[in-house]
Amino acid sequence: MSTGMDIKFVQETYQRMSDDELTRIATQDASGLTPEAIAIVKAEINRRGLSQNITKGVEAQNKTYTPDEINKYCDIISKLSCPYCGSMTEKLNATMTGEVVSVIIFSNYHTSIKIGCPPCLDKANNKALIRVCF
């Protein structure tokens, strides 16, 4: 095996997981799994008779998208209604906001991606700035 991974150990690890745990791994934490581990996860999902939609989660997290595919998805998303205000008058956009909370010796920094119409994104950025400044 080129990765030096103990396939038997990996198989046994996934076999010991509950259906819920395996589903969570497959749908939320499969990004970056090796091709061998992906095959093992898919085989375990199939062995248990779980929904094939779960394997789609593994594939989506490990798919490399072309610029054209990304542009198509962005175009689809930009035409949806704003998740904050429901408006469809302006195309959606995205921004990353950052918030810092500091108390004497403790600081917490949190970033998040926001998708919304430009006025709602402005509000989100201003809200983050206000929290940082005061």
Foldseek 3Di string as FASTA:
>chain_A
DVVPDDLVVLLVVLLPDDPVVLLCCLQPVLAPDDPSSLVSSQVSCVVVVHDPVSNVNNCVNHDDDDPVRVVVVQVVQQQAAFPPPRDRPGGKDKDKEWAWDDDDDDIDIDIDMHIGGVVVVVVVNVVRVVRRVD
